[in-house]
Amino acid sequence: MLLEVVVISFAWTFNPAYIIFRQQVIWVLGLSMVCMSALIYLPTKTILIIGIMILFEHNLLDTIHATGNSFKDFLWAELHERKRFYFAGHQATTGYFLLAWLGIMMLGYSFGMLY
C-alpha cells in the first residue's frame, strides 16, 4: 500500500509534493491481504460462503452513495464507491473497491484449499 502512495502516485503526477493520492489496484490488493490475514482463522467453508455472498450481492449496494467529505464517507468509498476526496490541500481518489476484491480473495483462498 505504501508503494501505491509513494511510487505510483508520483509516477502518475510527477509531483514530489504528493498532492494527489490515487488509491488503485496495488492499494486495494494490499488492503484485501490485510483483511484476509484476519479472516484466515475462520473455517474455510465460512470464508467460501461469505466470498460467494460478496461476489453475488455487492451490486445491491450501488444505490448507497457517500455524499460528504467525512471519514465515514471515505471508508464507504474505500469499500464500494469511486470518489474523490479533498483534505488539507490534498486529493485522494479511490479507484478500486475493497469489498469486491476481498470477495475475490476469499474465493481464491477457499478454492486454493482444494489443491
N, C-alpha and C. Protein backbone atom coordinates (compact mmCIF):
# COMPACT_ATOMS: atom_id res chain seq x y z
N MET A 1 0.83 -1.18 0.00
CA MET A 1 0.00 0.00 0.00
C MET A 1 0.87 1.25 0.00
N LEU A 2 1.99 1.18 0.70
CA LEU A 2 2.92 2.31 0.71
C LEU A 2 3.50 2.53 -0.68
N LEU A 3 3.73 1.44 -1.41
CA LEU A 3 4.22 1.54 -2.78
C LEU A 3 3.24 2.33 -3.65
N GLU A 4 1.97 2.08 -3.47
CA GLU A 4 0.95 2.79 -4.25
C GLU A 4 0.98 4.29 -3.96
N VAL A 5 1.06 4.65 -2.69
CA VAL A 5 1.01 6.07 -2.31
C VAL A 5 2.28 6.79 -2.72
N VAL A 6 3.43 6.17 -2.52
CA VAL A 6 4.70 6.86 -2.76
C VAL A 6 5.13 6.77 -4.22
N VAL A 7 5.26 5.58 -4.74
CA VAL A 7 5.85 5.40 -6.08
C VAL A 7 4.82 5.63 -7.19
N ILE A 8 3.70 4.95 -7.12
CA ILE A 8 2.73 5.01 -8.20
C ILE A 8 2.10 6.40 -8.30
N SER A 9 1.75 7.02 -7.16
CA SER A 9 1.19 8.37 -7.21
C SER A 9 2.18 9.35 -7.83
N PHE A 10 3.45 9.22 -7.49
CA PHE A 10 4.46 10.09 -8.09
C PHE A 10 4.60 9.82 -9.58
N ALA A 11 4.55 8.55 -9.97
CA ALA A 11 4.68 8.20 -11.39
C ALA A 11 3.52 8.76 -12.22
N TRP A 12 2.34 8.83 -11.64
CA TRP A 12 1.19 9.37 -12.36
C TRP A 12 1.23 10.89 -12.45
N THR A 13 1.72 11.56 -11.40
CA THR A 13 1.62 13.02 -11.35
C THR A 13 2.94 13.74 -11.55
N PHE A 14 4.06 13.08 -11.33
CA PHE A 14 5.39 13.71 -11.36
C PHE A 14 5.44 14.94 -10.45
N ASN A 15 4.75 14.87 -9.34
CA ASN A 15 4.71 15.96 -8.38
C ASN A 15 5.26 15.46 -7.05
N PRO A 16 6.46 15.90 -6.64
CA PRO A 16 7.05 15.41 -5.39
C PRO A 16 6.33 15.91 -4.14
N ALA A 17 5.38 16.83 -4.29
CA ALA A 17 4.62 17.32 -3.13
C ALA A 17 3.50 16.35 -2.74
N TYR A 18 3.25 15.35 -3.57
CA TYR A 18 2.21 14.33 -3.31
C TYR A 18 0.87 14.98 -2.98
N ILE A 19 0.40 15.80 -3.89
CA ILE A 19 -0.89 16.46 -3.70
C ILE A 19 -2.04 15.50 -4.01
N ILE A 20 -1.83 14.60 -4.95
CA ILE A 20 -2.89 13.67 -5.36
C ILE A 20 -2.48 12.25 -4.97
N PHE A 21 -3.36 11.57 -4.24
CA PHE A 21 -3.16 10.16 -3.90
C PHE A 21 -4.21 9.35 -4.65
N ARG A 22 -3.78 8.56 -5.60
CA ARG A 22 -4.70 7.68 -6.32
C ARG A 22 -4.57 6.29 -5.72
N GLN A 23 -5.63 5.82 -5.14
CA GLN A 23 -5.60 4.51 -4.50
C GLN A 23 -6.18 3.51 -5.48
N GLN A 24 -5.28 2.81 -6.14
CA GLN A 24 -5.72 1.94 -7.22
C GLN A 24 -5.51 0.48 -6.86
N VAL A 25 -5.08 -0.30 -7.80
CA VAL A 25 -5.09 -1.75 -7.65
C VAL A 25 -4.11 -2.25 -6.58
N ILE A 26 -2.92 -1.72 -6.51
CA ILE A 26 -1.96 -2.18 -5.50
C ILE A 26 -2.49 -1.86 -4.11
N TRP A 27 -3.10 -0.71 -3.96
CA TRP A 27 -3.67 -0.29 -2.68
C TRP A 27 -4.76 -1.27 -2.23
N VAL A 28 -5.69 -1.58 -3.10
CA VAL A 28 -6.81 -2.43 -2.70
C VAL A 28 -6.36 -3.89 -2.53
N LEU A 29 -5.39 -4.33 -3.29
CA LEU A 29 -4.87 -5.69 -3.08
C LEU A 29 -4.17 -5.79 -1.73
N GLY A 30 -3.43 -4.76 -1.36
CA GLY A 30 -2.78 -4.74 -0.04
C GLY A 30 -3.80 -4.74 1.08
N LEU A 31 -4.84 -3.91 0.95
CA LEU A 31 -5.90 -3.89 1.97
C LEU A 31 -6.63 -5.23 2.04
N SER A 32 -6.85 -5.85 0.89
CA SER A 32 -7.51 -7.16 0.87
C SER A 32 -6.66 -8.20 1.59
N MET A 33 -5.37 -8.14 1.39
CA MET A 33 -4.49 -9.10 2.07
C MET A 33 -4.46 -8.86 3.57
N VAL A 34 -4.51 -7.61 3.99
CA VAL A 34 -4.58 -7.31 5.42
C VAL A 34 -5.87 -7.86 6.01
N CYS A 35 -6.98 -7.67 5.31
CA CYS A 35 -8.26 -8.22 5.77
C CYS A 35 -8.24 -9.75 5.79
N MET A 36 -7.65 -10.34 4.77
CA MET A 36 -7.58 -11.81 4.71
C MET A 36 -6.73 -12.37 5.84
N SER A 37 -5.73 -11.61 6.30
CA SER A 37 -4.89 -12.10 7.39
C SER A 37 -5.71 -12.27 8.67
N ALA A 38 -6.78 -11.52 8.81
CA ALA A 38 -7.66 -11.70 9.96
C ALA A 38 -8.71 -12.78 9.70
N LEU A 39 -9.10 -12.96 8.45
CA LEU A 39 -10.17 -13.90 8.12
C LEU A 39 -9.71 -15.35 8.01
N ILE A 40 -8.42 -15.60 7.91
CA ILE A 40 -7.97 -16.99 7.72
C ILE A 40 -8.20 -17.86 8.95
N TYR A 41 -8.54 -17.25 10.07
CA TYR A 41 -8.83 -18.03 11.27
C TYR A 41 -10.26 -18.57 11.28
N LEU A 42 -11.07 -18.10 10.34
CA LEU A 42 -12.42 -18.64 10.19
C LEU A 42 -12.35 -19.98 9.46
N PRO A 43 -13.34 -20.83 9.62
CA PRO A 43 -13.36 -22.07 8.83
C PRO A 43 -13.43 -21.76 7.33
N THR A 44 -12.80 -22.60 6.54
CA THR A 44 -12.73 -22.39 5.10
C THR A 44 -14.12 -22.33 4.47
N LYS A 45 -15.03 -23.13 4.97
CA LYS A 45 -16.39 -23.13 4.43
C LYS A 45 -17.07 -21.78 4.69
N THR A 46 -16.83 -21.19 5.84
CA THR A 46 -17.40 -19.88 6.16
C THR A 46 -16.83 -18.81 5.25
N ILE A 47 -15.53 -18.86 5.01
CA ILE A 47 -14.88 -17.90 4.11
C ILE A 47 -15.46 -18.05 2.70
N LEU A 48 -15.68 -19.28 2.26
CA LEU A 48 -16.26 -19.53 0.94
C LEU A 48 -17.67 -18.94 0.84
N ILE A 49 -18.48 -19.17 1.85
CA ILE A 49 -19.87 -18.67 1.82
C ILE A 49 -19.89 -17.14 1.81
N ILE A 50 -19.07 -16.52 2.65
CA ILE A 50 -19.02 -15.05 2.69
C ILE A 50 -18.50 -14.51 1.35
N GLY A 51 -17.49 -15.17 0.79
CA GLY A 51 -16.96 -14.75 -0.51
C GLY A 51 -17.99 -14.83 -1.62
N ILE A 52 -18.78 -15.90 -1.63
CA ILE A 52 -19.84 -16.05 -2.64
C ILE A 52 -20.91 -14.98 -2.43
N MET A 53 -21.27 -14.72 -1.18
CA MET A 53 -22.27 -13.69 -0.90
C MET A 53 -21.79 -12.32 -1.36
N ILE A 54 -20.53 -12.00 -1.09
CA ILE A 54 -19.99 -10.71 -1.53
C ILE A 54 -19.99 -10.64 -3.05
N LEU A 55 -19.56 -11.71 -3.71
CA LEU A 55 -19.47 -11.72 -5.16
C LEU A 55 -20.82 -11.48 -5.82
N PHE A 56 -21.85 -12.16 -5.34
CA PHE A 56 -23.15 -12.07 -5.99
C PHE A 56 -24.05 -10.94 -5.48
N GLU A 57 -23.73 -10.38 -4.31
CA GLU A 57 -24.64 -9.40 -3.73
C GLU A 57 -24.04 -8.01 -3.55
N HIS A 58 -22.79 -7.79 -3.90
CA HIS A 58 -22.21 -6.46 -3.65
C HIS A 58 -22.83 -5.39 -4.54
N ASN A 59 -23.42 -5.77 -5.66
CA ASN A 59 -24.07 -4.78 -6.53
C ASN A 59 -25.38 -4.25 -5.94
N LEU A 60 -25.91 -4.91 -4.92
CA LEU A 60 -27.10 -4.40 -4.26
C LEU A 60 -26.81 -3.11 -3.50
N LEU A 61 -25.55 -2.82 -3.25
CA LEU A 61 -25.16 -1.62 -2.52
C LEU A 61 -24.95 -0.42 -3.43
N ASP A 62 -25.21 -0.56 -4.72
CA ASP A 62 -24.96 0.52 -5.67
C ASP A 62 -25.81 1.76 -5.44
N THR A 63 -26.91 1.63 -4.74
CA THR A 63 -27.77 2.80 -4.51
C THR A 63 -27.32 3.64 -3.32
N ILE A 64 -26.38 3.15 -2.53
CA ILE A 64 -25.89 3.89 -1.37
C ILE A 64 -24.65 4.67 -1.80
N HIS A 65 -24.66 5.99 -1.59
CA HIS A 65 -23.55 6.83 -2.02
C HIS A 65 -23.02 7.67 -0.87
N ALA A 66 -21.72 7.90 -0.89
CA ALA A 66 -21.09 8.82 0.06
C ALA A 66 -21.31 10.22 -0.46
N THR A 67 -21.93 11.07 0.34
CA THR A 67 -22.29 12.40 -0.14
C THR A 67 -21.39 13.50 0.38
N GLY A 68 -20.65 13.25 1.43
CA GLY A 68 -19.83 14.30 2.03
C GLY A 68 -18.35 14.07 1.84
N ASN A 69 -17.60 14.69 2.71
CA ASN A 69 -16.14 14.60 2.66
C ASN A 69 -15.61 14.13 4.01
N SER A 70 -16.43 13.40 4.76
CA SER A 70 -16.05 12.96 6.10
C SER A 70 -15.27 11.65 6.05
N PHE A 71 -14.75 11.25 7.20
CA PHE A 71 -14.01 10.00 7.29
C PHE A 71 -14.93 8.81 7.02
N LYS A 72 -16.17 8.90 7.49
CA LYS A 72 -17.16 7.84 7.24
C LYS A 72 -17.41 7.67 5.75
N ASP A 73 -17.52 8.79 5.04
CA ASP A 73 -17.73 8.73 3.59
C ASP A 73 -16.50 8.16 2.89
N PHE A 74 -15.31 8.48 3.39
CA PHE A 74 -14.08 7.94 2.82
C PHE A 74 -14.03 6.42 3.00
N LEU A 75 -14.41 5.94 4.19
CA LEU A 75 -14.42 4.49 4.42
C LEU A 75 -15.42 3.80 3.50
N TRP A 76 -16.59 4.40 3.31
CA TRP A 76 -17.58 3.81 2.41
C TRP A 76 -17.03 3.76 0.98
N ALA A 77 -16.38 4.84 0.56
CA ALA A 77 -15.82 4.87 -0.79
C ALA A 77 -14.73 3.82 -0.95
N GLU A 78 -13.94 3.58 0.09
CA GLU A 78 -12.93 2.52 0.03
C GLU A 78 -13.60 1.16 -0.14
N LEU A 79 -14.74 0.98 0.49
CA LEU A 79 -15.45 -0.29 0.40
C LEU A 79 -16.14 -0.50 -0.94
N HIS A 80 -16.82 0.56 -1.45
CA HIS A 80 -17.69 0.25 -2.58
C HIS A 80 -17.98 1.39 -3.55
N GLU A 81 -17.23 2.45 -3.57
CA GLU A 81 -17.60 3.54 -4.46
C GLU A 81 -16.36 4.31 -4.93
N ARG A 82 -16.38 4.70 -6.17
CA ARG A 82 -15.30 5.54 -6.70
C ARG A 82 -15.64 6.99 -6.38
N LYS A 83 -14.72 7.66 -5.69
CA LYS A 83 -15.00 9.04 -5.28
C LYS A 83 -13.68 9.78 -5.08
N ARG A 84 -13.77 11.09 -5.15
CA ARG A 84 -12.62 11.96 -4.94
C ARG A 84 -12.84 12.75 -3.66
N PHE A 85 -11.84 12.76 -2.79
CA PHE A 85 -11.91 13.48 -1.52
C PHE A 85 -10.83 14.54 -1.47
N TYR A 86 -11.16 15.66 -0.83
CA TYR A 86 -10.21 16.76 -0.66
C TYR A 86 -9.99 16.99 0.83
N PHE A 87 -8.73 17.08 1.22
CA PHE A 87 -8.41 17.35 2.61
C PHE A 87 -7.06 18.05 2.70
N ALA A 88 -7.02 19.14 3.41
CA ALA A 88 -5.79 19.90 3.71
C ALA A 88 -4.94 20.14 2.47
N GLY A 89 -5.56 20.54 1.38
CA GLY A 89 -4.81 20.84 0.17
C GLY A 89 -4.40 19.62 -0.64
N HIS A 90 -4.84 18.45 -0.24
CA HIS A 90 -4.52 17.21 -0.95
C HIS A 90 -5.80 16.60 -1.50
N GLN A 91 -5.61 15.68 -2.41
CA GLN A 91 -6.75 15.00 -3.03
C GLN A 91 -6.49 13.50 -2.98
N ALA A 92 -7.48 12.75 -2.52
CA ALA A 92 -7.41 11.28 -2.51
C ALA A 92 -8.52 10.75 -3.40
N THR A 93 -8.17 9.84 -4.28
CA THR A 93 -9.13 9.26 -5.21
C THR A 93 -9.17 7.76 -5.01
N THR A 94 -10.35 7.21 -4.77
CA THR A 94 -10.49 5.77 -4.67
C THR A 94 -10.79 5.23 -6.07
N GLY A 95 -10.08 4.20 -6.46
CA GLY A 95 -10.24 3.68 -7.80
C GLY A 95 -10.84 2.29 -7.85
N TYR A 96 -10.41 1.43 -6.96
CA TYR A 96 -10.90 0.06 -6.92
C TYR A 96 -11.55 -0.17 -5.57
N PHE A 97 -12.48 -1.09 -5.50
CA PHE A 97 -13.30 -1.25 -4.31
C PHE A 97 -12.84 -2.44 -3.49
N LEU A 98 -12.68 -2.23 -2.21
CA LEU A 98 -12.21 -3.27 -1.31
C LEU A 98 -13.19 -4.43 -1.23
N LEU A 99 -14.46 -4.14 -1.18
CA LEU A 99 -15.45 -5.20 -0.99
C LEU A 99 -15.41 -6.24 -2.11
N ALA A 100 -15.36 -5.78 -3.34
CA ALA A 100 -15.33 -6.72 -4.47
C ALA A 100 -14.03 -7.53 -4.48
N TRP A 101 -12.91 -6.87 -4.26
CA TRP A 101 -11.63 -7.58 -4.29
C TRP A 101 -11.48 -8.52 -3.11
N LEU A 102 -12.02 -8.14 -1.96
CA LEU A 102 -11.97 -9.03 -0.80
C LEU A 102 -12.78 -10.29 -1.07
N GLY A 103 -13.93 -10.14 -1.71
CA GLY A 103 -14.73 -11.31 -2.08
C GLY A 103 -13.97 -12.24 -3.01
N ILE A 104 -13.27 -11.68 -3.99
CA ILE A 104 -12.48 -12.49 -4.92
C ILE A 104 -11.34 -13.19 -4.18
N MET A 105 -10.69 -12.49 -3.26
CA MET A 105 -9.60 -13.12 -2.50
C MET A 105 -10.12 -14.22 -1.59
N MET A 106 -11.29 -14.01 -1.02
CA MET A 106 -11.87 -15.05 -0.16
C MET A 106 -12.19 -16.30 -0.97
N LEU A 107 -12.72 -16.11 -2.17
CA LEU A 107 -12.99 -17.26 -3.04
C LEU A 107 -11.70 -17.95 -3.45
N GLY A 108 -10.70 -17.18 -3.79
CA GLY A 108 -9.41 -17.76 -4.17
C GLY A 108 -8.78 -18.55 -3.04
N TYR A 109 -8.87 -18.02 -1.83
CA TYR A 109 -8.34 -18.73 -0.67
C TYR A 109 -9.10 -20.04 -0.45
N SER A 110 -10.42 -19.97 -0.56
CA SER A 110 -11.24 -21.17 -0.33
C SER A 110 -11.01 -22.23 -1.39
N PHE A 111 -10.95 -21.81 -2.66
CA PHE A 111 -10.72 -22.78 -3.72
C PHE A 111 -9.29 -23.29 -3.72
N GLY A 112 -8.38 -22.51 -3.19
CA GLY A 112 -6.99 -22.96 -3.08
C GLY A 112 -6.83 -24.12 -2.13
N MET A 113 -7.74 -24.26 -1.19
CA MET A 113 -7.70 -25.37 -0.24
C MET A 113 -8.04 -26.71 -0.91
N LEU A 114 -8.62 -26.65 -2.11
CA LEU A 114 -8.97 -27.89 -2.82
C LEU A 114 -7.74 -28.59 -3.39
N TYR A 115 -6.66 -27.85 -3.55
CA TYR A 115 -5.48 -28.43 -4.20
C TYR A 115 -4.37 -28.67 -3.24
